[in-house]
Structure formats: structure tokens, C-alpha cells
Amino acid sequence: MAQFSRVDVVGVGLNATDTMIHVSTYPERGAKGEYRNAVVLPGGQVATAIMACAQWGLRTRYVGKLGEDDAALLHHEEFARAEVEARIVTVPGGSSAQSLILVDATGERTVLNRRDERLALQPAELDREWIANARVLHIDGYDTAAATVAAGWAREDGIPVVADLDEIYPGVEALLENIDYLIVSRDFPGRLTGERDLEKALRRMHQRYGNRITAATLGPQGVLAWDGRAFHHVPAYDVPVVDTTGAGDIFHAGFIYGLLQGWPLDRQLDFACAAAALNCSGEGARGGIQTVTAIEELLAVGVRHDAAEFASKADRF
């Protein structure tokens, strides 16, 4: 059996090459407009979170698929630069995943994705030792079958699983049962459970799937989490925003970092909010990743969005 190094976190999931297109205003249907500039940068939910963890000094491994093109070369170079152990399955002659991202003057982004179906990671392409030699598994669930297998292995080995989900993929129910820290996008709980009230939806998810934590990221409103006993609402930090791309990815990285430090939940969520906010001050999914010291400084002196304007009930989130 092959021997693999021990790592703090292994990520199984998406990578992408992002073409960032900056516009003054989002174009109306049928209209013409100008864009200020365009730049190509590496991204992808899990790949970006793993890169942030590496920059913060964690030992990391990334598992995913790439084509044979310039985009793949860019990812390989970035993983090597950050000393991420990359376990890449290459699709011969394939094109790596691409995203076109429109960023308006407020920093809000709109994402268009293109992905060769051959890039879907298959369960048979995983090696159990890639998972067993990690302290935490991070997944996004896009390649649901592979993510479910990886999460099942982690659960059997007592390795906590953190998930970043924003879509209800076919077969996701089996995956959800093997997730410990289920941190999803704002509207995911309602779409999954049919419950409009976010608090009730998070409770229902927690009860149905047996997760340790169910949480929803809320953009400028921070994050709302249910731990089975109480809700934790941590407001977001108010920083100058250049680009919101990757904020959720870095939030998950921050949460994982705090989890591995053994911090209480509120501190984990607060660190994650601060890391995500600072990332919005740079361009692209990874352009604003800051040092742990800088994140701690924001925690100490940062200004938050006004939490008083947000009620605790879900229809206000």
C-alpha cells in the first residue's frame, strides 16, 4: 500500500480558473456596456479553501481533476508554490473547469461556470489513504458520489467532515448523513427542507442528518449556526469591498483553522467571518487571503455590520 504523509486537512472538490471581468454596473438584458478590465486567476470552492489553510501554516492535501491545458498548469504551479500536496487526476486532452465572473462596482459578483463532464471525480479514482491521513476532510459535494465515499471513509475513521454546499445535488441525502459541520449558503436550508424560516430549517437539518453543526452563511449579515442547543449569530465585519468572490470559500477555511485549534464555536465562526471579510478586500477568490495576524487584528479592532438591524427570526435573514 502506498504511504502518504500526514496532513491537517484534505480537500476533495472543485477547482476552477476564474476570468474576473469588472463592470461599473451589471448589464441589463439586451444592453451593451463596457468592462474596466479582465484578469485570469485560480479559484474553485475546495481548492481555494485548501490554499488559504496552507497559507496559514496548515499541512494540506487537495484531491481533484484537471484537464491538459494552461489552466491546469496554473493550478499545479499554485499548489506547488503553497506546498499543497496535490493528488490530481488528469483528463487527457480535457479542458479544466472555467468560470466567468462579473464583478460590479459594489464588489458583488455573478458567476457563470463551464465544466467538462469528464472532470467529474469518480469514487474509484479516490485512495482511502488520502483521507485516512488527514485530521479534517473538507468537501463541496459537487461530485456527490465521490464526496459521499470520502465522507463515509472519514466518518468510519473518526475524522470530522466540513462541507460547503450551495446546491441540492442528486444523491446528496446520503452525503449529508456523513457531514459533521454542515455550513451552507443562505437559501440551501429552505430549498432542502421546504421550511421558509431559516432557524426552523437549520434545526430540521440538524435533527434529520445528525450533524454536529448546521449553519448558513449570510453575506453581510454574517453567519447563523445551530449546535443542537442554541443558535449562534455572528455578524460580518464591515470592510471596504473590492470583490466578494471566494468569501464563502475563505469562511470555510477559517472555520477549519479554528476547528483544528480547538477553539469554541463562537471563536471559530468569528475568525471565519473576519477571514472572509478581509478576502473581499482583494481581487479574485484568493486575492485577499490575509495572515492569521491580520485576521486577529480585525477581530480585535474591526467594525461589524450593525447586528441590531437583524432580528433572530429567519424571515429577516
Protein backbone atom coordinates (compact mmCIF):
# COMPACT_ATOMS: atom_id res chain seq x y z
CA MET A 1 0.00 0.00 0.00
CA ALA A 2 1.25 3.47 -0.88
CA GLN A 3 2.35 5.63 2.02
CA PHE A 4 1.12 9.21 2.25
CA SER A 5 2.21 11.99 4.55
CA ARG A 6 0.05 13.06 7.47
CA VAL A 7 -1.80 16.33 6.79
CA ASP A 8 -4.07 18.59 8.80
CA VAL A 9 -6.77 18.96 6.17
CA VAL A 10 -7.60 17.22 2.90
CA GLY A 11 -9.99 18.79 0.42
CA VAL A 12 -11.97 16.81 -2.14
CA GLY A 13 -13.85 19.02 -4.58
CA LEU A 14 -13.92 21.80 -7.10
CA ASN A 15 -11.18 23.83 -8.69
CA ALA A 16 -11.71 26.43 -11.42
CA THR A 17 -9.89 29.06 -13.40
CA ASP A 18 -11.72 32.36 -12.95
CA THR A 19 -11.82 35.12 -15.55
CA MET A 20 -12.67 38.20 -13.49
CA ILE A 21 -14.50 40.86 -15.53
CA HIS A 22 -15.01 44.18 -13.76
CA VAL A 23 -18.01 46.28 -14.80
CA SER A 24 -19.36 49.57 -13.45
CA THR A 25 -22.92 48.23 -13.40
CA TYR A 26 -24.40 44.85 -14.12
CA PRO A 27 -25.66 44.90 -17.74
CA GLU A 28 -29.38 44.74 -18.45
CA ARG A 29 -30.69 42.10 -20.81
CA GLY A 30 -30.05 43.12 -24.43
CA ALA A 31 -27.88 46.09 -23.45
CA LYS A 32 -24.31 46.97 -24.39
CA GLY A 33 -21.69 48.15 -21.95
CA GLU A 34 -18.03 48.44 -21.16
CA TYR A 35 -15.86 46.50 -18.77
CA ARG A 36 -12.94 48.07 -16.93
CA ASN A 37 -10.50 45.15 -17.00
CA ALA A 38 -10.27 41.35 -17.03
CA VAL A 39 -7.82 39.03 -15.30
CA VAL A 40 -7.45 35.24 -15.09
CA LEU A 41 -6.98 33.81 -11.58
CA PRO A 42 -7.18 30.37 -9.92
CA GLY A 43 -10.27 29.56 -7.87
CA GLY A 44 -12.76 26.82 -7.02
CA GLN A 45 -14.52 26.19 -3.70
CA VAL A 46 -12.41 23.49 -2.12
CA ALA A 47 -9.16 24.34 -3.91
CA THR A 48 -9.37 27.92 -2.63
CA ALA A 49 -10.14 26.86 0.95
CA ILE A 50 -7.19 24.47 0.91
CA MET A 51 -4.88 27.21 -0.39
CA ALA A 52 -5.93 29.50 2.46
CA CYS A 53 -5.29 26.78 5.04
CA ALA A 54 -1.84 26.25 3.53
CA GLN A 55 -1.05 29.96 3.77
CA TRP A 56 -1.96 29.83 7.46
CA GLY A 57 0.60 27.11 8.11
CA LEU A 58 -1.57 24.00 7.98
CA ARG A 59 -0.38 20.87 6.21
CA THR A 60 -2.73 20.38 3.29
CA ARG A 61 -3.72 17.96 0.54
CA TYR A 62 -6.01 18.68 -2.42
CA VAL A 63 -7.80 15.96 -4.41
CA GLY A 64 -9.43 16.86 -7.72
CA LYS A 65 -9.37 16.63 -11.51
CA LEU A 66 -7.83 18.85 -14.16
CA GLY A 67 -7.54 18.79 -17.90
CA GLU A 68 -4.41 19.11 -20.02
CA ASP A 69 -4.27 22.85 -20.67
CA ASP A 70 -2.78 26.14 -19.48
CA ALA A 71 -5.38 26.33 -16.71
CA ALA A 72 -4.16 23.02 -15.30
CA LEU A 73 -0.60 24.28 -15.39
CA LEU A 74 -1.66 27.38 -13.43
CA HIS A 75 -3.23 25.22 -10.70
CA HIS A 76 -0.22 22.91 -10.48
CA GLU A 77 2.08 25.91 -10.12
CA GLU A 78 -0.08 27.44 -7.39
CA PHE A 79 -0.29 24.21 -5.40
CA ALA A 80 3.47 23.77 -5.66
CA ARG A 81 4.12 27.37 -4.59
CA ALA A 82 1.92 26.96 -1.49
CA GLU A 83 3.35 23.49 -0.74
CA VAL A 84 -0.05 21.86 -1.07
CA GLU A 85 0.20 18.12 -1.68
CA ALA A 86 -1.86 17.82 -4.88
CA ARG A 87 -3.41 14.48 -5.81
CA ILE A 88 -4.65 15.37 -9.28
CA VAL A 89 -6.42 13.07 -11.72
CA THR A 90 -5.66 14.35 -15.24
CA VAL A 91 -8.17 14.10 -18.10
CA PRO A 92 -6.13 13.53 -21.29
CA GLY A 93 -6.91 16.28 -23.78
CA GLY A 94 -9.51 17.73 -21.42
CA SER A 95 -10.24 21.36 -20.58
CA SER A 96 -10.07 22.36 -16.92
CA ALA A 97 -13.10 23.99 -15.27
CA GLN A 98 -13.63 27.64 -16.18
CA SER A 99 -15.67 30.43 -14.59
CA LEU A 100 -16.58 33.85 -15.97
CA ILE A 101 -17.18 36.21 -13.05
CA LEU A 102 -18.76 39.64 -13.47
CA VAL A 103 -17.86 41.96 -10.60
CA ASP A 104 -19.77 45.24 -10.27
CA ALA A 105 -18.73 48.48 -8.59
CA THR A 106 -20.03 47.28 -5.19
CA GLY A 107 -17.85 44.18 -5.36
CA GLU A 108 -20.79 41.81 -5.81
CA ARG A 109 -20.13 39.01 -8.26
CA THR A 110 -22.15 36.93 -10.72
CA VAL A 111 -20.63 33.59 -11.73
CA LEU A 112 -21.00 31.59 -14.95
CA ASN A 113 -19.44 28.12 -14.95
CA ARG A 114 -18.30 25.70 -17.63
CA ARG A 115 -17.06 22.22 -16.79
CA ASP A 116 -16.20 19.26 -19.00
CA GLU A 117 -18.30 16.30 -17.82
CA ARG A 118 -15.14 14.18 -17.86
CA LEU A 119 -13.86 16.27 -14.95
CA ALA A 120 -16.34 14.61 -12.59
CA LEU A 121 -14.32 12.89 -9.87
CA GLN A 122 -15.32 9.22 -9.57
CA PRO A 123 -15.26 7.15 -6.36
CA ALA A 124 -12.88 4.67 -7.98
CA GLU A 125 -10.36 7.48 -8.50
CA LEU A 126 -10.02 8.06 -4.75
CA ASP A 127 -7.45 6.43 -2.49
CA ARG A 128 -8.68 5.86 1.04
CA GLU A 129 -5.25 6.73 2.45
CA TRP A 130 -5.63 10.27 1.10
CA ILE A 131 -8.49 10.68 3.58
CA ALA A 132 -7.27 8.49 6.44
CA ASN A 133 -4.04 10.51 6.80
CA ALA A 134 -5.84 13.80 7.50
CA ARG A 135 -7.25 15.41 10.62
CA VAL A 136 -10.17 17.07 8.77
CA LEU A 137 -11.92 16.40 5.46
CA HIS A 138 -13.39 19.32 3.51
CA ILE A 139 -15.84 18.73 0.65
CA ASP A 140 -18.22 20.74 -1.54
CA GLY A 141 -20.37 17.84 -2.71
CA TYR A 142 -20.36 18.77 -6.41
CA ASP A 143 -19.11 15.32 -7.42
CA THR A 144 -21.57 13.83 -4.99
CA ALA A 145 -20.77 10.14 -5.31
CA ALA A 146 -17.04 10.68 -4.72
CA ALA A 147 -17.72 13.11 -1.88
CA THR A 148 -20.06 10.60 -0.25
CA VAL A 149 -17.44 7.85 -0.38
CA ALA A 150 -14.76 10.16 1.03
CA ALA A 151 -17.08 11.36 3.81
CA GLY A 152 -18.04 7.78 4.65
CA TRP A 153 -14.39 6.80 5.00
CA ALA A 154 -13.75 9.84 7.19
CA ARG A 155 -16.73 9.03 9.40
CA GLU A 156 -15.51 5.43 9.83
CA ASP A 157 -12.06 6.71 10.84
CA GLY A 158 -13.36 9.38 13.23
CA ILE A 159 -12.23 12.26 11.00
CA PRO A 160 -14.54 15.31 11.14
CA VAL A 161 -16.11 16.36 7.84
CA VAL A 162 -16.72 20.01 6.95
CA ALA A 163 -18.97 20.74 3.96
CA ASP A 164 -19.57 23.79 1.77
CA LEU A 165 -22.83 23.16 -0.08
CA ASP A 166 -24.87 25.56 -2.19
CA GLU A 167 -26.80 23.17 -4.45
CA ILE A 168 -29.02 20.14 -3.83
CA TYR A 169 -27.23 17.60 -5.98
CA PRO A 170 -28.78 14.21 -6.85
CA GLY A 171 -27.92 11.76 -4.09
CA VAL A 172 -26.99 14.48 -1.60
CA GLU A 173 -29.11 12.96 1.19
CA ALA A 174 -26.63 10.12 1.70
CA LEU A 175 -23.79 12.63 1.79
CA LEU A 176 -25.49 14.84 4.38
CA GLU A 177 -25.64 11.96 6.84
CA ASN A 178 -21.83 11.80 6.94
CA ILE A 179 -21.17 15.52 7.47
CA ASP A 180 -20.25 16.86 10.89
CA TYR A 181 -20.09 20.60 10.17
CA LEU A 182 -22.66 21.45 7.51
CA ILE A 183 -22.13 25.09 6.50
CA VAL A 184 -24.28 26.02 3.53
CA SER A 185 -25.41 29.03 1.50
CA ARG A 186 -28.26 31.22 2.68
CA ASP A 187 -31.10 29.62 0.72
CA PHE A 188 -29.94 25.99 0.86
CA PRO A 189 -31.78 25.05 4.10
CA GLY A 190 -35.11 26.30 2.79
CA ARG A 191 -34.75 24.54 -0.55
CA LEU A 192 -33.70 21.30 1.15
CA THR A 193 -36.37 21.20 3.86
CA GLY A 194 -39.20 23.26 2.37
CA GLU A 195 -39.13 25.40 5.52
CA ARG A 196 -39.02 29.17 4.90
CA ASP A 197 -37.93 30.04 8.43
CA LEU A 198 -34.13 29.66 8.49
CA GLU A 199 -33.94 28.81 12.17
CA LYS A 200 -36.51 26.04 11.77
CA ALA A 201 -34.77 24.78 8.63
CA LEU A 202 -31.39 24.59 10.39
CA ARG A 203 -32.98 22.75 13.31
CA ARG A 204 -34.66 20.32 10.92
CA MET A 205 -31.43 19.62 9.05
CA HIS A 206 -29.59 19.04 12.35
CA GLN A 207 -32.22 16.59 13.56
CA ARG A 208 -32.65 14.78 10.23
CA TYR A 209 -28.98 14.23 9.38
CA GLY A 210 -27.34 14.13 12.82
CA ASN A 211 -24.78 16.86 12.06
CA ARG A 212 -22.84 18.44 14.92
CA ILE A 213 -23.43 21.92 13.48
CA THR A 214 -25.82 23.21 10.82
CA ALA A 215 -25.10 26.74 9.65
CA ALA A 216 -25.86 29.18 6.85
CA THR A 217 -23.56 31.97 5.67
CA LEU A 218 -25.46 35.21 5.17
CA GLY A 219 -23.09 37.55 3.33
CA PRO A 220 -23.08 40.99 5.00
CA GLN A 221 -25.21 39.54 7.82
CA GLY A 222 -22.53 37.06 8.87
CA VAL A 223 -23.44 33.50 9.81
CA LEU A 224 -26.19 31.74 11.74
CA ALA A 225 -25.37 28.35 13.29
CA TRP A 226 -27.34 25.79 15.32
CA ASP A 227 -25.40 23.43 17.58
CA GLY A 228 -28.35 21.37 18.82
CA ARG A 229 -28.83 23.52 21.91
CA ALA A 230 -28.54 27.16 20.89
CA PHE A 231 -28.22 29.46 17.91
CA HIS A 232 -25.05 31.43 17.29
CA HIS A 233 -25.34 34.55 15.13
CA VAL A 234 -22.01 36.19 14.37
CA PRO A 235 -22.26 39.47 12.43
CA ALA A 236 -19.96 40.12 9.48
CA TYR A 237 -17.15 42.67 9.55
CA ASP A 238 -17.57 45.94 7.68
CA VAL A 239 -14.58 46.38 5.37
CA PRO A 240 -14.02 48.11 2.02
CA VAL A 241 -15.18 45.59 -0.59
CA VAL A 242 -13.36 45.07 -3.88
CA ASP A 243 -14.68 41.64 -4.83
CA THR A 244 -16.85 39.14 -2.92
CA THR A 245 -15.61 36.16 -4.97
CA GLY A 246 -14.34 33.42 -2.68
CA ALA A 247 -15.74 34.86 0.55
CA GLY A 248 -17.58 31.64 1.34
CA ASP A 249 -14.54 29.53 0.46
CA ILE A 250 -12.35 31.51 2.86
CA PHE A 251 -15.06 31.40 5.53
CA HIS A 252 -14.87 27.61 5.43
CA ALA A 253 -11.07 27.72 5.55
CA GLY A 254 -11.26 29.98 8.61
CA PHE A 255 -13.72 27.63 10.27
CA ILE A 256 -11.43 24.67 9.62
CA TYR A 257 -8.44 26.58 11.00
CA GLY A 258 -10.34 27.34 14.20
CA LEU A 259 -11.59 23.77 14.47
CA LEU A 260 -8.03 22.46 14.35
CA GLN A 261 -7.01 24.94 17.04
CA GLY A 262 -9.70 23.54 19.32
CA TRP A 263 -11.43 26.90 19.69
CA PRO A 264 -15.02 27.30 20.97
CA LEU A 265 -17.65 27.55 18.23
CA ASP A 266 -18.21 31.30 18.56
CA ARG A 267 -14.49 31.98 18.11
CA GLN A 268 -14.35 29.66 15.11
CA LEU A 269 -17.25 31.48 13.48
CA ASP A 270 -15.81 34.90 14.33
CA PHE A 271 -12.39 34.05 12.88
CA ALA A 272 -14.09 32.69 9.76
CA CYS A 273 -16.13 35.89 9.35
CA ALA A 274 -13.02 38.04 9.70
CA ALA A 275 -11.03 35.95 7.22
CA ALA A 276 -13.88 36.08 4.70
CA ALA A 277 -14.29 39.84 5.10
CA LEU A 278 -10.61 40.53 4.52
CA ASN A 279 -10.62 38.34 1.42
CA CYS A 280 -13.23 40.69 -0.07
CA SER A 281 -10.62 43.47 0.02
CA GLY A 282 -8.67 41.80 -2.81
CA GLU A 283 -9.41 40.63 -6.31
CA GLY A 284 -10.45 37.07 -7.05
CA ALA A 285 -11.19 34.07 -4.89
CA ARG A 286 -7.76 34.19 -3.21
CA GLY A 287 -6.63 37.77 -3.71
CA GLY A 288 -7.45 38.94 -0.21
CA ILE A 289 -6.28 35.99 1.88
CA GLN A 290 -4.58 37.60 4.85
CA THR A 291 -2.22 36.32 7.52
CA VAL A 292 -3.51 34.94 10.80
CA THR A 293 -2.04 38.03 12.48
CA ALA A 294 -4.04 40.37 10.22
CA ILE A 295 -7.21 38.39 10.85
CA GLU A 296 -6.64 38.54 14.60
CA GLU A 297 -6.15 42.31 14.33
CA LEU A 298 -9.53 42.66 12.63
CA LEU A 299 -11.08 40.54 15.38
CA ALA A 300 -9.65 42.93 17.95
CA VAL A 301 -10.50 46.30 16.40
CA GLY A 302 -12.77 45.64 13.42
CA VAL A 303 -16.14 47.28 12.87
CA ARG A 304 -19.08 44.96 12.35
CA HIS A 305 -22.21 45.39 10.32
CA ASP A 306 -24.96 46.52 12.68
CA ALA A 307 -26.29 43.32 14.23
CA ALA A 308 -29.20 45.21 15.82
CA GLU A 309 -30.87 45.66 12.45
CA PHE A 310 -31.18 41.91 12.01
CA ALA A 311 -33.81 40.05 14.00
CA SER A 312 -33.14 36.49 15.06
CA LYS A 313 -36.04 35.07 13.06
CA ALA A 314 -35.24 33.56 9.70
CA ASP A 315 -37.50 35.69 7.55
CA ARG A 316 -35.24 38.65 8.38
CA PHE A 317 -32.11 36.86 7.11
